[in-house]
Amino acid sequence: YKLSDADENDTWAIIARDYLEYHRAVDPDSYPFMLSHKSSNRYMDKWIGRIIIPIYKQNTLIFYQGRDLTGKRKKKYESASTVKDKVLYGFDNLANINNTGPIYIVEGFFDAYAIDGVAILGNELSPQQIERLNNSKRDKVYIPDRIGDGQVGAHKALNLGWYVSTPDIGNCKDMSEAVKKYGKLYTMRTLIEE
């Protein structure tokens, strides 16, 4: 069910709104975030306590993933049980012919959402994602997470002839955190300068 349709006393909705507003600096009503009801279906249990992020291409749902809100799960993210090799968040940003600036490519949804970029939804670029990105004539700028395996995607990006940006974002681990701490204008400026 949509977060925006949740009852004001819905515990998971309260937690999700808090997470989005205070941990991600995202307006909970700015995107069609979802939550899951308790169910007798064991498959559905993994979605309880997660903010579900639908991924669209031309207004058609193509994928979804859920971010743990408890901080206690082994897997921070769960994804739909479908192949995500062709999936990118930000198809609309990629296809925007009025934008001649670079395409900023990041690992996660929240990072891409914060800077109007494209997310590969992980740290490994698939051949299909590379093909889709290379179909655009715009410059590609890969921005690795500073913590974790960000260098994996960065090396691949360099081998593809793309740019890599390592912006001055202090001790922030990624773009989402930087936008929350420093604001979007400063964060975007550092992407251009680095």
C-alpha atoms as a PDB file:
ATOM      1  CA  TYR A   1       0.000   0.000   0.000  1.00  0.00           C
ATOM      2  CA  LYS A   2       1.119   3.531  -0.672  1.00  0.00           C
ATOM      3  CA  LEU A   3       2.780   5.379   2.177  1.00  0.00           C
ATOM      4  CA  SER A   4       0.639   8.380   1.293  1.00  0.00           C
ATOM      5  CA  ASP A   5      -2.517   6.278   1.900  1.00  0.00           C
ATOM      6  CA  ALA A   6      -1.383   4.967   5.289  1.00  0.00           C
ATOM      7  CA  ASP A   7      -3.433   5.661   8.400  1.00  0.00           C
ATOM      8  CA  GLU A   8      -1.900   8.331  10.645  1.00  0.00           C
ATOM      9  CA  ASN A   9      -1.553   5.735  13.436  1.00  0.00           C
ATOM     10  CA  ASP A  10       0.172   3.161  11.196  1.00  0.00           C
ATOM     11  CA  THR A  11       3.419   2.402  13.064  1.00  0.00           C
ATOM     12  CA  TRP A  12       5.429   1.444   9.968  1.00  0.00           C
ATOM     13  CA  ALA A  13       4.214   4.541   8.145  1.00  0.00           C
ATOM     14  CA  ILE A  14       5.334   6.738  11.059  1.00  0.00           C
ATOM     15  CA  ILE A  15       8.749   5.046  11.057  1.00  0.00           C
ATOM     16  CA  ALA A  16       9.027   5.299   7.256  1.00  0.00           C
ATOM     17  CA  ARG A  17       8.130   8.990   7.223  1.00  0.00           C
ATOM     18  CA  ASP A  18      10.673   9.654   9.975  1.00  0.00           C
ATOM     19  CA  TYR A  19      13.352   7.728   8.076  1.00  0.00           C
ATOM     20  CA  LEU A  20      12.687   9.618   4.852  1.00  0.00           C
ATOM     21  CA  GLU A  21      12.466  13.071   6.427  1.00  0.00           C
ATOM     22  CA  TYR A  22      15.222  12.919   9.014  1.00  0.00           C
ATOM     23  CA  HIS A  23      17.661  10.335   7.676  1.00  0.00           C
ATOM     24  CA  ARG A  24      17.335  10.995   3.940  1.00  0.00           C
ATOM     25  CA  ALA A  25      15.976  14.568   3.786  1.00  0.00           C
ATOM     26  CA  VAL A  26      13.286  13.343   1.390  1.00  0.00           C
ATOM     27  CA  ASP A  27       9.695  14.544   1.443  1.00  0.00           C
ATOM     28  CA  PRO A  28       7.708  11.315   2.015  1.00  0.00           C
ATOM     29  CA  ASP A  29       5.018  12.540  -0.375  1.00  0.00           C
ATOM     30  CA  SER A  30       7.439  13.359  -3.204  1.00  0.00           C
ATOM     31  CA  TYR A  31       7.648   9.783  -4.516  1.00  0.00           C
ATOM     32  CA  PRO A  32       5.182   6.841  -4.461  1.00  0.00           C
ATOM     33  CA  PHE A  33       6.903   4.975  -1.620  1.00  0.00           C
ATOM     34  CA  MET A  34       5.095   1.886  -0.387  1.00  0.00           C
ATOM     35  CA  LEU A  35       4.804  -0.406   2.637  1.00  0.00           C
ATOM     36  CA  SER A  36       3.657  -3.996   3.043  1.00  0.00           C
ATOM     37  CA  HIS A  37       0.786  -5.388   5.103  1.00  0.00           C
ATOM     38  CA  LYS A  38       1.292  -8.397   7.346  1.00  0.00           C
ATOM     39  CA  SER A  39       0.364 -11.519   5.413  1.00  0.00           C
ATOM     40  CA  SER A  40       0.113 -15.270   5.820  1.00  0.00           C
ATOM     41  CA  ASN A  41       2.406 -15.580   2.792  1.00  0.00           C
ATOM     42  CA  ARG A  42       5.999 -16.195   4.037  1.00  0.00           C
ATOM     43  CA  TYR A  43       7.419 -14.492   0.961  1.00  0.00           C
ATOM     44  CA  MET A  44       5.721 -11.267   2.001  1.00  0.00           C
ATOM     45  CA  ASP A  45       7.291 -11.299   5.488  1.00  0.00           C
ATOM     46  CA  LYS A  46      10.586  -9.965   4.164  1.00  0.00           C
ATOM     47  CA  TRP A  47       8.817  -6.762   3.096  1.00  0.00           C
ATOM     48  CA  ILE A  48       7.415  -5.942   6.542  1.00  0.00           C
ATOM     49  CA  GLY A  49       9.464  -3.152   8.133  1.00  0.00           C
ATOM     50  CA  ARG A  50      10.867  -1.955   4.818  1.00  0.00           C
ATOM     51  CA  ILE A  51      10.162   1.152   2.800  1.00  0.00           C
ATOM     52  CA  ILE A  52       9.403  -0.180  -0.666  1.00  0.00           C
ATOM     53  CA  ILE A  53      10.823   1.842  -3.545  1.00  0.00           C
ATOM     54  CA  PRO A  54       9.084   1.241  -6.875  1.00  0.00           C
ATOM     55  CA  ILE A  55      11.189   1.821  -9.985  1.00  0.00           C
ATOM     56  CA  TYR A  56       9.405   3.050 -13.102  1.00  0.00           C
ATOM     57  CA  LYS A  57      10.174   3.423 -16.783  1.00  0.00           C
ATOM     58  CA  GLN A  58       7.748   5.653 -18.671  1.00  0.00           C
ATOM     59  CA  ASN A  59       5.225   5.367 -15.830  1.00  0.00           C
ATOM     60  CA  THR A  60       5.334   1.550 -15.879  1.00  0.00           C
ATOM     61  CA  LEU A  61       6.527  -0.339 -12.811  1.00  0.00           C
ATOM     62  CA  ILE A  62       9.592  -2.379 -13.796  1.00  0.00           C
ATOM     63  CA  PHE A  63      11.224  -3.200 -10.458  1.00  0.00           C
ATOM     64  CA  TYR A  64      11.083  -2.542  -6.736  1.00  0.00           C
ATOM     65  CA  GLN A  65      13.318  -2.839  -3.741  1.00  0.00           C
ATOM     66  CA  GLY A  66      12.770  -2.427  -0.031  1.00  0.00           C
ATOM     67  CA  ARG A  67      15.062  -0.663   2.452  1.00  0.00           C
ATOM     68  CA  ASP A  68      15.125  -2.037   6.002  1.00  0.00           C
ATOM     69  CA  LEU A  69      13.767   0.439   8.523  1.00  0.00           C
ATOM     70  CA  THR A  70      14.732  -1.544  11.628  1.00  0.00           C
ATOM     71  CA  GLY A  71      18.517  -1.537  11.271  1.00  0.00           C
ATOM     72  CA  LYS A  72      18.483  -5.167  12.447  1.00  0.00           C
ATOM     73  CA  ARG A  73      18.185  -7.176   9.263  1.00  0.00           C
ATOM     74  CA  LYS A  74      21.068  -9.037   7.688  1.00  0.00           C
ATOM     75  CA  LYS A  75      20.196  -7.608   4.255  1.00  0.00           C
ATOM     76  CA  LYS A  76      19.707  -3.854   4.198  1.00  0.00           C
ATOM     77  CA  TYR A  77      17.956  -4.070   0.817  1.00  0.00           C
ATOM     78  CA  GLU A  78      15.612  -6.685  -0.607  1.00  0.00           C
ATOM     79  CA  SER A  79      14.761  -6.671  -4.279  1.00  0.00           C
ATOM     80  CA  ALA A  80      11.968  -8.050  -6.398  1.00  0.00           C
ATOM     81  CA  SER A  81      12.670 -11.597  -7.476  1.00  0.00           C
ATOM     82  CA  THR A  82      13.404 -10.664 -11.041  1.00  0.00           C
ATOM     83  CA  VAL A  83      16.605 -10.062 -12.953  1.00  0.00           C
ATOM     84  CA  LYS A  84      17.750  -6.475 -12.471  1.00  0.00           C
ATOM     85  CA  ASP A  85      20.496  -6.465 -15.096  1.00  0.00           C
ATOM     86  CA  LYS A  86      18.485  -4.143 -17.353  1.00  0.00           C
ATOM     87  CA  VAL A  87      17.078  -1.993 -14.558  1.00  0.00           C
ATOM     88  CA  LEU A  88      18.135   1.559 -13.799  1.00  0.00           C
ATOM     89  CA  TYR A  89      16.420   4.086 -11.601  1.00  0.00           C
ATOM     90  CA  GLY A  90      16.180   7.359 -13.478  1.00  0.00           C
ATOM     91  CA  PHE A  91      15.210   6.258 -16.977  1.00  0.00           C
ATOM     92  CA  ASP A  92      13.320   9.541 -17.250  1.00  0.00           C
ATOM     93  CA  ASN A  93      16.472  11.479 -16.297  1.00  0.00           C
ATOM     94  CA  LEU A  94      18.422   9.459 -18.848  1.00  0.00           C
ATOM     95  CA  ALA A  95      15.879  10.053 -21.609  1.00  0.00           C
ATOM     96  CA  ASN A  96      15.513  13.800 -20.965  1.00  0.00           C
ATOM     97  CA  ILE A  97      16.559  15.232 -24.326  1.00  0.00           C
ATOM     98  CA  ASN A  98      16.314  18.805 -23.020  1.00  0.00           C
ATOM     99  CA  ASN A  99      19.167  18.148 -20.592  1.00  0.00           C
ATOM    100  CA  THR A 100      22.567  18.334 -22.224  1.00  0.00           C
ATOM    101  CA  GLY A 101      24.520  18.136 -18.970  1.00  0.00           C
ATOM    102  CA  PRO A 102      26.239  14.987 -17.790  1.00  0.00           C
ATOM    103  CA  ILE A 103      24.433  11.915 -16.513  1.00  0.00           C
ATOM    104  CA  TYR A 104      25.390  11.333 -12.882  1.00  0.00           C
ATOM    105  CA  ILE A 105      25.505   7.593 -12.180  1.00  0.00           C
ATOM    106  CA  VAL A 106      25.389   6.322  -8.605  1.00  0.00           C
ATOM    107  CA  GLU A 107      24.787   3.053  -6.791  1.00  0.00           C
ATOM    108  CA  GLY A 108      21.539   3.628  -4.929  1.00  0.00           C
ATOM    109  CA  PHE A 109      18.088   5.085  -5.366  1.00  0.00           C
ATOM    110  CA  PHE A 110      18.401   7.699  -2.610  1.00  0.00           C
ATOM    111  CA  ASP A 111      21.658   9.025  -4.074  1.00  0.00           C
ATOM    112  CA  ALA A 112      20.182   9.312  -7.567  1.00  0.00           C
ATOM    113  CA  TYR A 113      16.980  10.846  -6.226  1.00  0.00           C
ATOM    114  CA  ALA A 114      18.958  13.485  -4.325  1.00  0.00           C
ATOM    115  CA  ILE A 115      20.905  14.669  -7.393  1.00  0.00           C
ATOM    116  CA  ASP A 116      18.471  13.830 -10.238  1.00  0.00           C
ATOM    117  CA  GLY A 117      20.804  11.098 -11.390  1.00  0.00           C
ATOM    118  CA  VAL A 118      20.633   7.483 -12.467  1.00  0.00           C
ATOM    119  CA  ALA A 119      21.109   4.544 -10.087  1.00  0.00           C
ATOM    120  CA  ILE A 120      22.412   1.109 -11.008  1.00  0.00           C
ATOM    121  CA  LEU A 121      20.891  -0.268  -7.767  1.00  0.00           C
ATOM    122  CA  GLY A 122      24.105  -1.918  -6.627  1.00  0.00           C
ATOM    123  CA  ASN A 123      27.825  -1.504  -7.189  1.00  0.00           C
ATOM    124  CA  GLU A 124      28.218  -3.602 -10.330  1.00  0.00           C
ATOM    125  CA  LEU A 125      27.375  -2.332 -13.770  1.00  0.00           C
ATOM    126  CA  SER A 126      25.793  -5.005 -15.965  1.00  0.00           C
ATOM    127  CA  PRO A 127      26.432  -5.124 -19.737  1.00  0.00           C
ATOM    128  CA  GLN A 128      22.770  -4.201 -20.317  1.00  0.00           C
ATOM    129  CA  GLN A 129      22.997  -1.171 -18.017  1.00  0.00           C
ATOM    130  CA  ILE A 130      26.212  -0.072 -19.739  1.00  0.00           C
ATOM    131  CA  GLU A 131      24.525  -0.382 -23.138  1.00  0.00           C
ATOM    132  CA  ARG A 132      21.537   1.699 -22.007  1.00  0.00           C
ATOM    133  CA  LEU A 133      23.786   4.365 -20.522  1.00  0.00           C
ATOM    134  CA  ASN A 134      26.056   4.442 -23.577  1.00  0.00           C
ATOM    135  CA  ASN A 135      23.025   4.956 -25.827  1.00  0.00           C
ATOM    136  CA  SER A 136      22.928   8.498 -24.477  1.00  0.00           C
ATOM    137  CA  LYS A 137      25.256  10.993 -26.113  1.00  0.00           C
ATOM    138  CA  ARG A 138      25.581  12.873 -22.810  1.00  0.00           C
ATOM    139  CA  ASP A 139      28.787  12.563 -20.776  1.00  0.00           C
ATOM    140  CA  LYS A 140      28.620   9.891 -18.071  1.00  0.00           C
ATOM    141  CA  VAL A 141      29.971  10.676 -14.608  1.00  0.00           C
ATOM    142  CA  TYR A 142      30.195   7.790 -12.163  1.00  0.00           C
ATOM    143  CA  ILE A 143      30.146   8.718  -8.475  1.00  0.00           C
ATOM    144  CA  PRO A 144      31.232   5.827  -6.245  1.00  0.00           C
ATOM    145  CA  ASP A 145      30.166   5.439  -2.644  1.00  0.00           C
ATOM    146  CA  ARG A 146      33.092   6.341  -0.418  1.00  0.00           C
ATOM    147  CA  ILE A 147      32.549   3.376   1.883  1.00  0.00           C
ATOM    148  CA  GLY A 148      32.227  -0.204   0.668  1.00  0.00           C
ATOM    149  CA  ASP A 149      33.034  -1.490  -2.796  1.00  0.00           C
ATOM    150  CA  GLY A 150      32.590   1.787  -4.681  1.00  0.00           C
ATOM    151  CA  GLN A 151      35.902   1.308  -6.458  1.00  0.00           C
ATOM    152  CA  VAL A 152      34.469  -1.674  -8.388  1.00  0.00           C
ATOM    153  CA  GLY A 153      32.092   0.517 -10.381  1.00  0.00           C
ATOM    154  CA  ALA A 154      34.604   3.353 -10.579  1.00  0.00           C
ATOM    155  CA  HIS A 155      37.236   1.141 -12.247  1.00  0.00           C
ATOM    156  CA  LYS A 156      34.674  -0.171 -14.709  1.00  0.00           C
ATOM    157  CA  ALA A 157      33.524   3.382 -15.488  1.00  0.00           C
ATOM    158  CA  LEU A 158      37.098   4.492 -16.187  1.00  0.00           C
ATOM    159  CA  ASN A 159      37.648   1.474 -18.449  1.00  0.00           C
ATOM    160  CA  LEU A 160      34.508   2.491 -20.369  1.00  0.00           C
ATOM    161  CA  GLY A 161      35.903   5.984 -20.911  1.00  0.00           C
ATOM    162  CA  TRP A 162      33.447   7.614 -18.515  1.00  0.00           C
ATOM    163  CA  TYR A 163      34.350  10.241 -15.964  1.00  0.00           C
ATOM    164  CA  VAL A 164      34.595   9.479 -12.265  1.00  0.00           C
ATOM    165  CA  SER A 165      33.870  12.127  -9.663  1.00  0.00           C
ATOM    166  CA  THR A 166      35.034  11.935  -6.073  1.00  0.00           C
ATOM    167  CA  PRO A 167      33.488  15.120  -4.710  1.00  0.00           C
ATOM    168  CA  ASP A 168      34.549  16.893  -1.545  1.00  0.00           C
ATOM    169  CA  ILE A 169      31.712  15.776   0.729  1.00  0.00           C
ATOM    170  CA  GLY A 170      33.609  15.575   4.002  1.00  0.00           C
ATOM    171  CA  ASN A 171      32.903  12.372   5.897  1.00  0.00           C
ATOM    172  CA  CYS A 172      29.621  11.665   4.062  1.00  0.00           C
ATOM    173  CA  LYS A 173      29.536   8.230   2.468  1.00  0.00           C
ATOM    174  CA  ASP A 174      27.388   9.105  -0.536  1.00  0.00           C
ATOM    175  CA  MET A 175      25.403  11.765  -2.391  1.00  0.00           C
ATOM    176  CA  SER A 176      22.235  11.362  -0.348  1.00  0.00           C
ATOM    177  CA  GLU A 177      24.097  12.002   2.881  1.00  0.00           C
ATOM    178  CA  ALA A 178      25.970  14.943   1.322  1.00  0.00           C
ATOM    179  CA  VAL A 179      22.776  16.611   0.098  1.00  0.00           C
ATOM    180  CA  LYS A 180      21.251  16.180   3.549  1.00  0.00           C
ATOM    181  CA  LYS A 181      24.303  17.671   5.280  1.00  0.00           C
ATOM    182  CA  TYR A 182      25.442  20.372   2.827  1.00  0.00           C
ATOM    183  CA  GLY A 183      22.452  20.960   0.560  1.00  0.00           C
ATOM    184  CA  LYS A 184      21.923  20.145  -3.081  1.00  0.00           C
ATOM    185  CA  LEU A 185      23.553  23.279  -4.523  1.00  0.00           C
ATOM    186  CA  TYR A 186      26.887  22.727  -2.756  1.00  0.00           C
ATOM    187  CA  THR A 187      26.855  18.990  -3.485  1.00  0.00           C
ATOM    188  CA  MET A 188      26.167  19.522  -7.190  1.00  0.00           C
ATOM    189  CA  ARG A 189      28.910  22.146  -7.370  1.00  0.00           C
ATOM    190  CA  THR A 190      31.438  19.716  -5.903  1.00  0.00           C
ATOM    191  CA  LEU A 191      30.487  17.137  -8.546  1.00  0.00           C
ATOM    192  CA  ILE A 192      31.389  19.585 -11.276  1.00  0.00           C
ATOM    193  CA  GLU A 193      34.647  20.679  -9.611  1.00  0.00           C
ATOM    194  CA  GLU A 194      36.020  17.232  -8.799  1.00  0.00           C
END
